[in-house]
Protein backbone atom coordinates (compact mmCIF):
# COMPACT_ATOMS: atom_id res chain seq x y z
CA MET A 1 -5.39 9.11 -13.27
CA SER A 2 -5.78 8.88 -9.48
CA VAL A 3 -4.43 5.70 -7.87
CA LEU A 4 -4.71 4.39 -4.31
CA SER A 5 -2.01 2.14 -2.94
CA PHE A 6 -2.15 -0.25 0.00
CA ASP A 7 0.69 -1.75 2.02
CA PHE A 8 -1.13 -4.77 3.41
CA GLY A 9 -0.53 -5.95 6.95
CA THR A 10 -2.48 -8.01 9.45
CA LYS A 11 -2.67 -5.17 12.04
CA SER A 12 -2.19 -2.05 9.93
CA ILE A 13 -2.68 -1.30 6.24
CA GLY A 14 -0.73 1.66 4.90
CA VAL A 15 -2.49 3.84 2.35
CA ALA A 16 -1.20 6.34 -0.20
CA VAL A 17 -2.67 8.25 -3.11
CA GLY A 18 -0.86 9.28 -6.26
CA GLN A 19 -1.17 10.62 -9.75
CA ALA A 20 0.21 8.78 -12.75
CA ILE A 21 1.00 12.06 -14.51
CA THR A 22 3.54 13.08 -11.84
CA GLY A 23 4.52 9.56 -10.76
CA THR A 24 4.44 10.63 -7.13
CA ALA A 25 2.49 9.51 -4.08
CA THR A 26 1.34 11.07 -0.80
CA PRO A 27 0.78 9.07 2.39
CA LEU A 28 -2.69 8.93 3.90
CA THR A 29 -3.70 7.69 7.34
CA ALA A 30 -3.06 3.99 7.81
CA LEU A 31 -6.06 1.75 8.43
CA LYS A 32 -6.21 -0.43 11.51
CA ALA A 33 -6.85 -4.06 10.65
CA LYS A 34 -7.80 -7.15 12.60
CA GLU A 35 -6.14 -10.23 11.13
CA GLY A 36 -5.79 -8.36 7.84
CA ILE A 37 -9.39 -7.18 7.69
CA PRO A 38 -9.88 -3.40 7.73
CA ASP A 39 -13.00 -1.44 8.56
CA TRP A 40 -14.50 -1.61 5.07
CA LEU A 41 -16.47 1.60 5.71
CA GLN A 42 -13.14 3.46 5.99
CA VAL A 43 -11.98 1.90 2.74
CA GLU A 44 -15.27 2.91 1.10
CA LYS A 45 -14.72 6.52 2.25
CA LEU A 46 -11.27 6.50 0.63
CA ILE A 47 -12.64 5.07 -2.61
CA LYS A 48 -15.42 7.68 -2.72
CA GLU A 49 -13.10 10.56 -1.84
CA TRP A 50 -10.27 9.77 -4.25
CA GLN A 51 -12.24 7.91 -6.96
CA PRO A 52 -9.23 5.90 -8.09
CA THR A 53 -9.11 4.35 -11.52
CA LEU A 54 -6.79 1.70 -10.06
CA CYS A 55 -5.74 0.33 -6.66
CA VAL A 56 -2.22 -1.01 -6.24
CA VAL A 57 -1.73 -3.58 -3.48
CA GLY A 58 1.76 -4.48 -2.32
CA LEU A 59 2.52 -8.17 -2.75
CA PRO A 60 4.81 -9.43 0.02
CA LEU A 61 7.27 -11.96 -1.33
CA ASN A 62 10.35 -13.62 0.09
CA MET A 63 13.69 -12.24 -1.15
CA ASP A 64 14.00 -15.15 -3.60
CA GLY A 65 10.60 -14.29 -5.09
CA THR A 66 8.72 -17.17 -3.50
CA GLU A 67 5.43 -16.63 -1.76
CA GLN A 68 4.85 -16.61 1.99
CA PRO A 69 1.68 -16.89 4.12
CA LEU A 70 1.21 -13.09 4.02
CA THR A 71 1.20 -13.24 0.21
CA ASP A 72 -2.10 -15.15 0.19
CA LEU A 73 -3.65 -12.71 2.68
CA ALA A 74 -2.60 -9.73 0.53
CA ARG A 75 -4.15 -11.38 -2.54
CA LYS A 76 -7.35 -12.01 -0.58
CA PHE A 77 -7.43 -8.33 0.47
CA ALA A 78 -6.93 -7.27 -3.18
CA ASN A 79 -9.73 -9.60 -4.33
CA ARG A 80 -12.07 -8.18 -1.68
CA LEU A 81 -11.23 -4.62 -2.77
CA HIS A 82 -12.16 -5.52 -6.32
CA GLY A 83 -15.26 -7.46 -5.30
CA ARG A 84 -16.65 -4.80 -2.96
CA PHE A 85 -15.86 -1.68 -4.98
CA GLY A 86 -15.33 -2.87 -8.56
CA VAL A 87 -11.96 -1.12 -8.80
CA GLN A 88 -9.22 -2.42 -11.03
CA ILE A 89 -6.39 -4.01 -9.01
CA HIS A 90 -2.68 -4.33 -9.66
CA LEU A 91 -0.41 -6.39 -7.39
CA GLN A 92 3.04 -4.82 -7.02
CA ASP A 93 6.13 -6.60 -5.68
CA GLU A 94 6.97 -4.89 -2.39
CA ARG A 95 10.22 -6.57 -1.38
CA LEU A 96 12.34 -4.32 0.87
CA THR A 97 9.89 -1.39 0.84
CA THR A 98 9.34 -1.36 4.61
CA THR A 99 13.08 -1.69 5.26
CA SER A 100 13.84 1.21 2.89
CA VAL A 101 11.14 3.36 4.44
CA ARG A 102 12.32 2.72 8.00
CA GLU A 103 15.88 3.69 7.06
CA ALA A 104 14.72 6.90 5.38
CA LEU A 105 12.36 7.88 8.21
CA PHE A 106 15.01 7.18 10.85
CA GLU A 107 17.52 9.34 8.98
CA ARG A 108 14.95 12.15 8.90
CA GLY A 109 13.95 12.16 12.54
CA GLY A 110 15.16 9.20 14.56
CA PHE A 111 12.92 6.83 16.44
CA ARG A 112 10.00 9.26 16.73
CA GLU A 113 9.51 8.99 12.97
CA LEU A 114 9.11 5.21 13.16
CA GLN A 115 5.47 5.14 14.25
CA LYS A 116 3.73 2.06 12.81
CA GLY A 117 1.07 3.88 10.76
CA ARG A 118 3.62 6.34 9.39
CA VAL A 119 5.91 3.52 8.25
CA ASP A 120 3.04 1.60 6.63
CA SER A 121 1.70 4.59 4.70
CA ALA A 122 5.21 5.63 3.63
CA ALA A 123 5.69 2.05 2.37
CA ALA A 124 2.42 2.40 0.42
CA CYS A 125 3.93 5.52 -1.21
CA LEU A 126 7.03 3.61 -2.22
CA ILE A 127 4.94 0.73 -3.60
CA LEU A 128 2.92 3.20 -5.68
CA GLU A 129 5.98 5.10 -6.93
CA ASP A 130 7.59 1.76 -7.90
CA TYR A 131 4.42 0.95 -9.84
CA PHE A 132 4.51 4.31 -11.64
CA ALA A 133 8.21 3.82 -12.47
CA SER A 134 7.47 0.37 -13.93
CA LEU A 135 5.02 1.97 -16.38
CA TYR A 136 7.93 3.78 -18.07
CA GLU A 137 10.49 0.98 -18.14
């Protein structure tokens, strides 16, 4: 089962692809977005190339689990993905993913590793791997 994952943001949307059988994910190029809206033709290319059976979209929540303004935008993005491409959607709690990714990337290579697109797509990997792990809990 091929799965695409998205780390939603208003300026950049991280993307990763993974396989349920291995439970691992690989970062893809992040999509530029304008107020949370990507170039849908780029998204369509990804859907056609990877033919996912599911798309996982990170759901940004506050640390106490409450929703924030970005939560609604991420849901809207997920609904548009489903509406445009008919793919099944799963929303995955993404609390602390970006922070964890930044720490790991910095440890690996310092500030040069902290490019925005790289961080977003690495966060999409972590979101997807968290989703895979939750399948076996």
